[in-house]
Amino acid sequence: MKRIKPFYIQNRFFYACIGLMILFVLSFVFPRLFNIVKLLLLLLATLTILDTIILFAAKRGVVGKRLLPEKFSNGDQNPIHLEISNYYTFNVNVTIIDEIPEQFQVRDFSILRKLDASSTSQMAYELRPVERGEYHFGKLNIYVTSVFGFVARRFTTDQNAMIPTYPSFMQLRKYGLMAISNNLHQYGIKKIRKIGHTMEFEQIKEYVLGDDLRTINWKATAKRNQLMVNQFQDEKSQPIYSVIDKGRAMKMPFDGLTLVDYAINAALVISNVALKKQDKAGILGFSKKVENIVVAERRTSQMNLILETLYNVKTDFYETDFSRLYADVKRHIKQRSLMLLYTNFETLDGLHRQIPYLKGIAKNHLLVVIFFKNTELNTLISGKAETVQQAYDKVIAEKFAYEKRLIVSELQKYGIQSILTTPQDLTLDTINKYLEIKARGLI
């Protein structure tokens, strides 16, 4: 039974049988053809038996190995490497079918390759997860055929594995390196001119040509009998909180990911950039209640703590309770902080219901409300209306887009800063706003 299980008859064998059947039928019309067809039938049987013998004679024919990363990066292309070793003394054709996790819903995955005799080949494919959680791989199946191609032998690697999918740490690495090298203006991030200087004193040093004359320290100048100036540095250790709305408004999908997953990826990156800039980073998640809390700190284990907390964010998609957020922030966060609130408002009425709570938070903290453009409306707005229904749809789409811009104006009226962005530009726009606030010395 063990010998039968990996044995598979290929389509080529059935095609040959169909061809012989047609020839047998024709042999009734052309009797001389009958003997030729019998010889062809004998040849097919011989080749099939020979094909089976050469494939199944070797105990160790083809061995496959799947090389997986420790974790997947959500929303990014993650490489999966395969290592296939051919121990046959002749060239073979292989069809590789990997049992991919069910979250991808891939039903037609296969890789076709030709392997040289006694060789090892490397190959890879990519997977893009769009939700956090555990992804379970099944078996790695390899179907081997010889040059005849009438039968196939299956080799199975019981390499069951579980890979967790974390928020996008690939973005984290990219922007983290740019933050260290002060090259954040690359990849579309604006380079913002500093306005004035901060008042956090660092040291007194000798005056050199080009120093600001307004920073001359006259007492130190009198003591040293030479010009001395005060040197200031950027204010550091300022709390930066990423506040993520997990409610119903963040359920809208874009390119496979929900808005809340885009917010989680952006929160991870901005936390890392803030820590590289010597600030404190923390996160909050809220829906019906405030949870997933990481207090803003600057320590070596902070990023690991934030990453694990964001990985475990459970999105219930209830109606968001901003009053609970306001109460918890007022009770627990006493130091003035930069609050980056990731949420979504579709209508001006929806904003007006939450304005009292946003104003309350903005009294004690620098609040930046980050919400999303509905990119699906762009197709309707840019398209040409040819029917009455299309004209109606276009007017409604323009109304919704205009209402988004009204929300920005309404927030500005109450002194609340905002970012209206597309999901794919969320991380860049958030970093730009953070750098702008730091440059202007608003916190």
Protein backbone atom coordinates (compact mmCIF):
# COMPACT_ATOMS: atom_id res chain seq x y z
CA MET A 1 0.00 0.00 0.00
CA LYS A 2 2.88 2.34 0.77
CA ARG A 3 4.21 1.73 -2.75
CA ILE A 4 0.86 2.51 -4.36
CA LYS A 5 0.18 5.82 -2.57
CA PRO A 6 2.98 7.81 -4.23
CA PHE A 7 2.19 6.32 -7.68
CA TYR A 8 0.37 8.65 -10.12
CA ILE A 9 -0.46 8.07 -13.78
CA GLN A 10 0.18 11.19 -15.83
CA ASN A 11 -1.93 12.77 -18.56
CA ARG A 12 0.61 11.78 -21.19
CA PHE A 13 -0.24 8.10 -20.60
CA PHE A 14 -3.96 8.75 -21.11
CA TYR A 15 -3.31 10.82 -24.23
CA ALA A 16 -1.27 7.91 -25.63
CA CYS A 17 -4.10 5.50 -24.81
CA ILE A 18 -6.64 7.74 -26.55
CA GLY A 19 -4.39 7.86 -29.61
CA LEU A 20 -4.13 4.05 -29.68
CA MET A 21 -7.90 3.70 -29.38
CA ILE A 22 -8.36 5.95 -32.42
CA LEU A 23 -5.80 3.89 -34.33
CA PHE A 24 -7.60 0.65 -33.37
CA VAL A 25 -10.83 2.08 -34.75
CA LEU A 26 -9.08 3.12 -37.95
CA SER A 27 -7.62 -0.38 -38.26
CA PHE A 28 -11.12 -1.69 -39.09
CA VAL A 29 -10.99 0.45 -42.21
CA PHE A 30 -7.28 -0.13 -42.86
CA PRO A 31 -6.50 -3.73 -41.73
CA ARG A 32 -2.74 -3.33 -42.31
CA LEU A 33 -2.72 -0.76 -39.50
CA PHE A 34 -3.80 -3.34 -36.89
CA ASN A 35 -0.35 -4.97 -36.43
CA ILE A 36 1.34 -1.59 -36.15
CA VAL A 37 -1.13 -0.54 -33.43
CA LYS A 38 -0.45 -3.75 -31.47
CA LEU A 39 3.27 -2.98 -31.57
CA LEU A 40 2.60 0.56 -30.35
CA LEU A 41 0.48 -0.80 -27.50
CA LEU A 42 3.29 -3.16 -26.50
CA LEU A 43 5.76 -0.26 -26.66
CA LEU A 44 3.53 1.90 -24.43
CA ALA A 45 3.22 -0.89 -21.85
CA THR A 46 6.99 -1.46 -21.91
CA LEU A 47 7.84 2.21 -21.53
CA THR A 48 5.32 2.62 -18.69
CA ILE A 49 6.79 -0.33 -16.78
CA LEU A 50 10.33 0.95 -17.42
CA ASP A 51 9.31 4.45 -16.30
CA THR A 52 7.86 3.00 -13.08
CA ILE A 53 10.98 0.94 -12.37
CA ILE A 54 13.49 3.76 -12.78
CA LEU A 55 11.41 6.13 -10.61
CA PHE A 56 10.64 3.69 -7.78
CA ALA A 57 13.90 1.69 -7.70
CA ALA A 58 15.72 4.41 -5.77
CA LYS A 59 14.79 4.69 -2.09
CA ARG A 60 15.90 8.31 -1.94
CA GLY A 61 14.94 10.10 -5.13
CA VAL A 62 14.15 13.75 -4.46
CA VAL A 63 14.27 15.55 -1.12
CA GLY A 64 12.69 18.95 -0.53
CA LYS A 65 13.09 21.46 2.24
CA ARG A 66 11.09 24.63 2.97
CA LEU A 67 13.06 27.51 4.53
CA LEU A 68 10.75 29.88 6.41
CA PRO A 69 11.44 33.19 8.19
CA GLU A 70 10.76 33.55 11.90
CA LYS A 71 7.72 35.75 11.21
CA PHE A 72 5.83 37.38 8.37
CA SER A 73 5.55 41.13 7.81
CA ASN A 74 1.91 42.13 7.40
CA GLY A 75 1.09 43.80 4.09
CA ASP A 76 4.54 43.09 2.57
CA GLN A 77 5.88 40.49 0.17
CA ASN A 78 7.60 37.79 2.26
CA PRO A 79 9.98 35.37 0.50
CA ILE A 80 9.64 31.60 0.99
CA HIS A 81 12.74 29.65 -0.06
CA LEU A 82 12.72 26.04 -1.24
CA GLU A 83 15.73 23.73 -1.50
CA ILE A 84 15.20 20.68 -3.75
CA SER A 85 17.87 17.95 -4.00
CA ASN A 86 17.83 15.39 -6.85
CA TYR A 87 19.54 12.11 -5.93
CA TYR A 88 18.64 10.38 -9.21
CA THR A 89 21.45 9.81 -11.68
CA PHE A 90 19.38 11.32 -14.50
CA ASN A 91 17.52 14.55 -15.12
CA VAL A 92 13.95 14.75 -13.83
CA ASN A 93 11.01 17.12 -14.09
CA VAL A 94 9.34 18.13 -10.83
CA THR A 95 6.03 19.76 -9.94
CA ILE A 96 6.15 21.33 -6.49
CA ILE A 97 2.87 21.85 -4.66
CA ASP A 98 3.24 23.56 -1.30
CA GLU A 99 0.32 23.45 1.14
CA ILE A 100 0.04 27.20 1.73
CA PRO A 101 -1.85 28.54 4.80
CA GLU A 102 -5.60 28.77 4.30
CA GLN A 103 -5.63 32.57 4.85
CA PHE A 104 -4.19 33.07 1.36
CA GLN A 105 -6.94 31.01 -0.32
CA VAL A 106 -4.53 29.85 -3.04
CA ARG A 107 -5.90 26.73 -4.74
CA ASP A 108 -3.74 26.50 -7.86
CA PHE A 109 -0.20 26.92 -6.50
CA SER A 110 2.50 24.92 -8.30
CA ILE A 111 6.10 25.34 -9.42
CA LEU A 112 7.45 23.46 -12.45
CA ARG A 113 11.20 22.85 -12.67
CA LYS A 114 13.73 20.63 -14.39
CA LEU A 115 16.44 19.26 -12.07
CA ASP A 116 19.82 18.10 -13.26
CA ALA A 117 21.14 14.73 -12.17
CA SER A 118 22.60 14.60 -8.64
CA SER A 119 22.14 18.31 -8.02
CA THR A 120 20.53 20.73 -5.56
CA SER A 121 18.41 23.66 -6.74
CA GLN A 122 17.24 26.76 -4.90
CA MET A 123 13.93 28.43 -5.71
CA ALA A 124 11.62 30.91 -4.02
CA TYR A 125 8.15 32.39 -4.12
CA GLU A 126 6.50 35.24 -2.23
CA LEU A 127 3.43 35.54 -0.03
CA ARG A 128 1.68 38.73 1.05
CA PRO A 129 -0.36 38.30 4.24
CA VAL A 130 -3.07 40.89 4.87
CA GLU A 131 -4.03 40.07 8.44
CA ARG A 132 -2.15 39.49 11.67
CA GLY A 133 -2.17 36.09 13.39
CA GLU A 134 -0.89 32.55 12.98
CA TYR A 135 -0.32 31.02 9.54
CA HIS A 136 -0.01 27.22 9.34
CA PHE A 137 1.88 25.52 6.51
CA GLY A 138 1.13 21.91 5.59
CA LYS A 139 3.15 19.37 3.63
CA LEU A 140 5.58 20.05 0.80
CA ASN A 141 4.63 17.75 -2.09
CA ILE A 142 7.01 17.05 -4.98
CA TYR A 143 5.81 15.07 -8.04
CA VAL A 144 8.71 13.64 -10.06
CA THR A 145 8.57 12.44 -13.67
CA SER A 146 11.31 11.05 -15.90
CA VAL A 147 11.94 11.80 -19.55
CA PHE A 148 9.08 9.41 -20.51
CA GLY A 149 6.50 11.23 -18.39
CA PHE A 150 3.94 8.42 -18.19
CA VAL A 151 3.94 8.04 -14.40
CA ALA A 152 4.93 10.27 -11.47
CA ARG A 153 6.27 9.52 -8.04
CA ARG A 154 5.28 11.76 -5.15
CA PHE A 155 7.74 12.70 -2.42
CA THR A 156 6.24 14.35 0.67
CA THR A 157 8.02 16.35 3.32
CA ASP A 158 6.07 16.49 6.57
CA GLN A 159 7.22 20.00 7.33
CA ASN A 160 4.20 21.40 9.14
CA ALA A 161 5.05 24.82 10.52
CA MET A 162 3.37 27.85 12.10
CA ILE A 163 4.52 31.36 11.23
CA PRO A 164 3.15 34.39 13.13
CA THR A 165 2.35 37.51 11.09
CA TYR A 166 3.43 40.72 12.83
CA PRO A 167 2.84 44.37 11.90
CA SER A 168 5.03 45.52 9.04
CA PHE A 169 8.56 45.25 10.47
CA MET A 170 9.96 45.62 6.93
CA GLN A 171 8.79 49.25 6.91
CA LEU A 172 10.17 49.53 10.44
CA ARG A 173 13.67 48.57 9.28
CA LYS A 174 13.60 50.85 6.23
CA TYR A 175 12.53 54.01 8.05
CA GLY A 176 14.58 53.12 11.13
CA LEU A 177 17.80 53.16 9.09
CA MET A 178 16.82 56.48 7.53
CA ALA A 179 16.11 57.96 10.97
CA ILE A 180 19.58 56.98 12.19
CA SER A 181 21.30 58.48 9.13
CA ASN A 182 19.05 61.58 9.10
CA ASN A 183 17.96 60.74 5.55
CA LEU A 184 14.23 60.71 6.23
CA HIS A 185 13.72 63.23 3.44
CA GLN A 186 14.33 60.38 1.00
CA TYR A 187 11.45 58.21 -0.25
CA GLY A 188 9.16 61.24 -0.41
CA ILE A 189 9.56 62.46 3.18
CA LYS A 190 9.85 66.23 3.25
CA LYS A 191 12.94 67.93 4.61
CA ILE A 192 11.58 70.55 7.02
CA ARG A 193 13.48 73.69 7.97
CA LYS A 194 13.81 74.29 11.68
CA ILE A 195 12.16 77.45 12.98
CA GLY A 196 14.28 79.18 15.63
CA HIS A 197 15.93 76.99 18.24
CA THR A 198 14.81 75.14 21.31
CA MET A 199 15.55 76.39 24.82
CA GLU A 200 17.00 73.20 26.29
CA PHE A 201 20.49 74.25 27.44
CA GLU A 202 23.41 71.96 26.59
CA GLN A 203 26.71 73.81 27.29
CA ILE A 204 28.70 77.06 27.10
CA LYS A 205 31.31 77.14 24.37
CA GLU A 206 33.68 79.59 22.74
CA TYR A 207 32.23 81.79 20.04
CA VAL A 208 33.09 80.86 16.47
CA LEU A 209 32.23 82.75 13.32
CA GLY A 210 28.64 82.02 12.36
CA ASP A 211 27.23 81.49 15.87
CA ASP A 212 24.03 83.37 16.72
CA LEU A 213 25.01 86.64 18.46
CA ARG A 214 21.80 86.50 20.47
CA THR A 215 23.14 83.48 22.39
CA ILE A 216 26.22 85.28 23.77
CA ASN A 217 26.61 84.64 27.50
CA TRP A 218 27.93 87.97 28.80
CA LYS A 219 28.76 86.73 32.31
CA ALA A 220 30.90 83.89 30.97
CA THR A 221 32.45 86.30 28.45
CA ALA A 222 33.49 88.65 31.28
CA LYS A 223 35.05 85.81 33.29
CA ARG A 224 37.00 84.29 30.39
CA ASN A 225 37.79 87.61 28.70
CA GLN A 226 36.62 86.17 25.35
CA LEU A 227 33.30 85.73 23.67
CA MET A 228 31.32 82.74 25.00
CA VAL A 229 27.93 81.56 23.72
CA ASN A 230 25.20 79.30 25.06
CA GLN A 231 24.64 76.15 23.01
CA PHE A 232 21.19 74.62 22.91
CA GLN A 233 19.98 71.22 21.79
CA ASP A 234 16.76 69.73 20.56
CA GLU A 235 14.33 68.91 23.32
CA LYS A 236 14.25 65.17 23.91
CA SER A 237 12.28 62.59 25.87
CA GLN A 238 8.93 63.97 24.76
CA PRO A 239 6.05 61.45 24.94
CA ILE A 240 4.66 60.37 21.55
CA TYR A 241 1.47 58.28 21.70
CA SER A 242 -0.06 56.42 18.75
CA VAL A 243 -3.78 56.13 19.52
CA ILE A 244 -5.48 53.52 17.29
CA ASP A 245 -9.22 53.43 16.76
CA LYS A 246 -10.26 49.75 16.55
CA GLY A 247 -13.92 50.53 15.95
CA ARG A 248 -16.31 50.01 13.08
CA ALA A 249 -15.08 53.02 11.11
CA MET A 250 -11.67 51.33 10.64
CA LYS A 251 -13.03 48.14 9.09
CA MET A 252 -12.96 49.51 5.53
CA PRO A 253 -10.53 47.48 3.36
CA PHE A 254 -7.94 48.85 0.96
CA ASP A 255 -5.71 46.59 -1.14
CA GLY A 256 -6.52 43.65 1.11
CA LEU A 257 -5.65 45.31 4.43
CA THR A 258 -8.17 47.00 6.72
CA LEU A 259 -7.59 50.61 7.77
CA VAL A 260 -6.80 49.47 11.30
CA ASP A 261 -3.92 47.33 9.98
CA TYR A 262 -2.55 50.31 8.05
CA ALA A 263 -2.76 52.31 11.29
CA ILE A 264 -0.95 49.55 13.22
CA ASN A 265 1.86 49.44 10.64
CA ALA A 266 2.23 53.23 10.73
CA ALA A 267 2.17 53.27 14.56
CA LEU A 268 5.01 50.75 14.66
CA VAL A 269 7.15 52.83 12.29
CA ILE A 270 6.49 56.20 13.97
CA SER A 271 7.25 54.68 17.39
CA ASN A 272 10.62 53.49 16.12
CA VAL A 273 11.40 56.87 14.50
CA ALA A 274 10.45 58.67 17.73
CA LEU A 275 12.78 56.45 19.76
CA LYS A 276 15.61 57.06 17.27
CA LYS A 277 14.97 60.79 17.74
CA GLN A 278 15.41 60.34 21.53
CA ASP A 279 11.69 60.73 22.30
CA LYS A 280 9.45 58.40 24.28
CA ALA A 281 7.03 56.17 22.38
CA GLY A 282 3.79 54.60 23.54
CA ILE A 283 0.52 53.27 22.11
CA LEU A 284 -3.17 53.07 22.99
CA GLY A 285 -5.95 51.05 21.37
CA PHE A 286 -9.60 51.87 21.95
CA SER A 287 -13.08 50.94 20.84
CA LYS A 288 -15.69 50.42 23.54
CA LYS A 289 -12.86 50.70 26.07
CA VAL A 290 -9.19 51.67 26.13
CA GLU A 291 -6.76 48.73 26.04
CA ASN A 292 -3.47 47.58 24.46
CA ILE A 293 -1.72 50.27 26.50
CA VAL A 294 2.04 50.77 26.37
CA VAL A 295 3.19 53.72 28.48
CA ALA A 296 5.52 56.07 26.61
CA GLU A 297 9.08 55.25 27.64
CA ARG A 298 12.54 55.28 26.08
CA ARG A 299 14.28 52.03 26.89
CA THR A 300 15.96 49.23 24.99
CA SER A 301 13.01 46.83 25.26
CA GLN A 302 10.36 49.39 24.29
CA MET A 303 10.15 48.46 20.59
CA ASN A 304 9.77 44.75 21.37
CA LEU A 305 6.99 45.58 23.81
CA ILE A 306 5.22 47.79 21.23
CA LEU A 307 5.61 45.14 18.51
CA GLU A 308 4.13 42.39 20.68
CA THR A 309 1.27 44.64 21.82
CA LEU A 310 0.38 45.65 18.26
CA TYR A 311 0.51 42.00 17.18
CA ASN A 312 -2.07 41.14 19.84
CA VAL A 313 -4.48 43.98 19.00
CA LYS A 314 -7.91 42.39 18.58
CA THR A 315 -10.27 44.38 16.38
CA ASP A 316 -13.90 43.99 17.48
CA PHE A 317 -15.30 46.73 15.19
CA TYR A 318 -17.83 48.03 17.71
CA GLU A 319 -18.99 51.64 17.72
CA THR A 320 -16.07 53.75 18.98
CA ASP A 321 -16.47 55.44 22.38
CA PHE A 322 -14.44 58.67 22.27
CA SER A 323 -15.74 59.70 25.69
CA ARG A 324 -13.98 56.69 27.23
CA LEU A 325 -10.77 57.66 25.44
CA TYR A 326 -11.00 61.24 26.75
CA ALA A 327 -11.60 60.05 30.33
CA ASP A 328 -8.71 57.55 30.31
CA VAL A 329 -6.25 59.99 28.72
CA LYS A 330 -7.14 62.70 31.24
CA ARG A 331 -6.82 60.28 34.15
CA HIS A 332 -3.59 58.48 33.21
CA ILE A 333 -1.50 60.73 30.93
CA LYS A 334 -0.48 63.78 32.93
CA GLN A 335 2.53 65.00 30.90
CA ARG A 336 1.82 67.00 27.73
CA SER A 337 2.23 64.57 24.83
CA LEU A 338 1.89 64.32 21.09
CA MET A 339 -1.23 62.21 20.46
CA LEU A 340 -1.40 60.73 16.93
CA LEU A 341 -5.02 59.60 16.68
CA TYR A 342 -5.67 57.12 13.84
CA THR A 343 -9.39 57.10 13.08
CA ASN A 344 -11.80 57.72 10.22
CA PHE A 345 -14.63 60.21 9.76
CA GLU A 346 -16.85 59.85 6.70
CA THR A 347 -19.25 62.72 7.44
CA LEU A 348 -19.18 66.09 9.16
CA ASP A 349 -22.02 64.98 11.46
CA GLY A 350 -19.88 62.07 12.60
CA LEU A 351 -17.11 64.51 13.54
CA HIS A 352 -19.47 66.88 15.39
CA ARG A 353 -20.54 64.07 17.73
CA GLN A 354 -16.92 63.57 18.79
CA ILE A 355 -15.68 67.19 18.74
CA PRO A 356 -16.27 67.82 22.51
CA TYR A 357 -14.01 64.89 23.40
CA LEU A 358 -11.34 65.83 20.84
CA LYS A 359 -11.32 69.41 22.19
CA GLY A 360 -10.94 68.04 25.71
CA ILE A 361 -7.89 65.98 24.74
CA ALA A 362 -6.40 68.91 22.78
CA LYS A 363 -6.51 71.16 25.89
CA ASN A 364 -3.72 69.21 27.59
CA HIS A 365 -2.00 67.51 24.65
CA LEU A 366 -1.00 68.21 21.08
CA LEU A 367 -3.62 66.22 19.17
CA VAL A 368 -3.21 65.21 15.53
CA VAL A 369 -6.26 63.50 14.02
CA ILE A 370 -5.28 61.18 11.15
CA PHE A 371 -8.06 59.97 8.88
CA PHE A 372 -8.36 58.55 5.38
CA LYS A 373 -9.42 59.58 1.91
CA ASN A 374 -11.86 57.22 0.24
CA THR A 375 -9.74 56.31 -2.77
CA GLU A 376 -12.58 54.30 -4.32
CA LEU A 377 -14.36 57.59 -5.01
CA ASN A 378 -11.57 58.85 -7.29
CA THR A 379 -12.68 56.54 -10.12
CA LEU A 380 -16.22 57.90 -9.94
CA ILE A 381 -15.10 61.53 -9.70
CA SER A 382 -12.59 61.35 -12.58
CA GLY A 383 -14.87 59.32 -14.86
CA LYS A 384 -17.24 60.78 -17.42
CA ALA A 385 -20.95 60.50 -16.62
CA GLU A 386 -22.90 59.21 -19.62
CA THR A 387 -26.18 58.30 -17.94
CA VAL A 388 -28.38 59.89 -15.29
CA GLN A 389 -27.38 57.22 -12.78
CA GLN A 390 -23.67 57.81 -13.41
CA ALA A 391 -24.17 61.57 -13.03
CA TYR A 392 -25.96 60.98 -9.72
CA ASP A 393 -23.16 58.67 -8.48
CA LYS A 394 -20.52 61.22 -9.48
CA VAL A 395 -22.26 64.06 -7.62
CA ILE A 396 -22.57 61.92 -4.48
CA ALA A 397 -18.89 60.93 -4.69
CA GLU A 398 -17.84 64.57 -5.03
CA LYS A 399 -20.02 65.44 -2.03
CA PHE A 400 -18.29 62.83 0.14
CA ALA A 401 -14.81 63.98 -1.02
CA TYR A 402 -15.73 67.62 -0.30
CA GLU A 403 -17.02 66.64 3.15
CA LYS A 404 -13.62 65.14 3.98
CA ARG A 405 -12.00 68.52 3.24
CA LEU A 406 -14.64 70.23 5.39
CA ILE A 407 -13.64 67.95 8.28
CA VAL A 408 -10.05 69.21 8.01
CA SER A 409 -11.28 72.83 8.14
CA GLU A 410 -13.55 72.07 11.09
CA LEU A 411 -10.68 70.56 13.08
CA GLN A 412 -8.47 73.56 12.31
CA LYS A 413 -11.20 75.85 13.64
CA TYR A 414 -10.80 74.25 17.05
CA GLY A 415 -7.00 74.29 16.92
CA ILE A 416 -6.68 70.55 16.23
CA GLN A 417 -4.14 69.49 13.63
CA SER A 418 -5.07 66.80 11.13
CA ILE A 419 -3.76 64.59 8.33
CA LEU A 420 -6.04 63.55 5.47
CA THR A 421 -4.19 60.81 3.63
CA THR A 422 -4.54 57.71 1.51
CA PRO A 423 -3.81 54.34 3.18
CA GLN A 424 -0.66 53.73 1.12
CA ASP A 425 0.76 57.17 2.08
CA LEU A 426 -0.18 56.93 5.76
CA THR A 427 3.30 56.13 7.10
CA LEU A 428 5.06 58.83 5.07
CA ASP A 429 2.52 61.52 5.94
CA THR A 430 2.64 60.63 9.63
CA ILE A 431 6.44 60.88 9.73
CA ASN A 432 6.26 64.21 7.87
CA LYS A 433 3.84 65.60 10.44
CA TYR A 434 5.99 64.37 13.34
CA LEU A 435 9.11 65.99 11.86
CA GLU A 436 7.20 69.20 11.20
CA ILE A 437 5.98 69.36 14.80
CA LYS A 438 9.50 68.71 16.10
CA ALA A 439 10.95 71.39 13.80
CA ARG A 440 8.39 73.96 14.91
CA GLY A 441 8.91 73.13 18.56
CA LEU A 442 5.19 72.62 19.23
CA ILE A 443 5.81 70.04 21.97
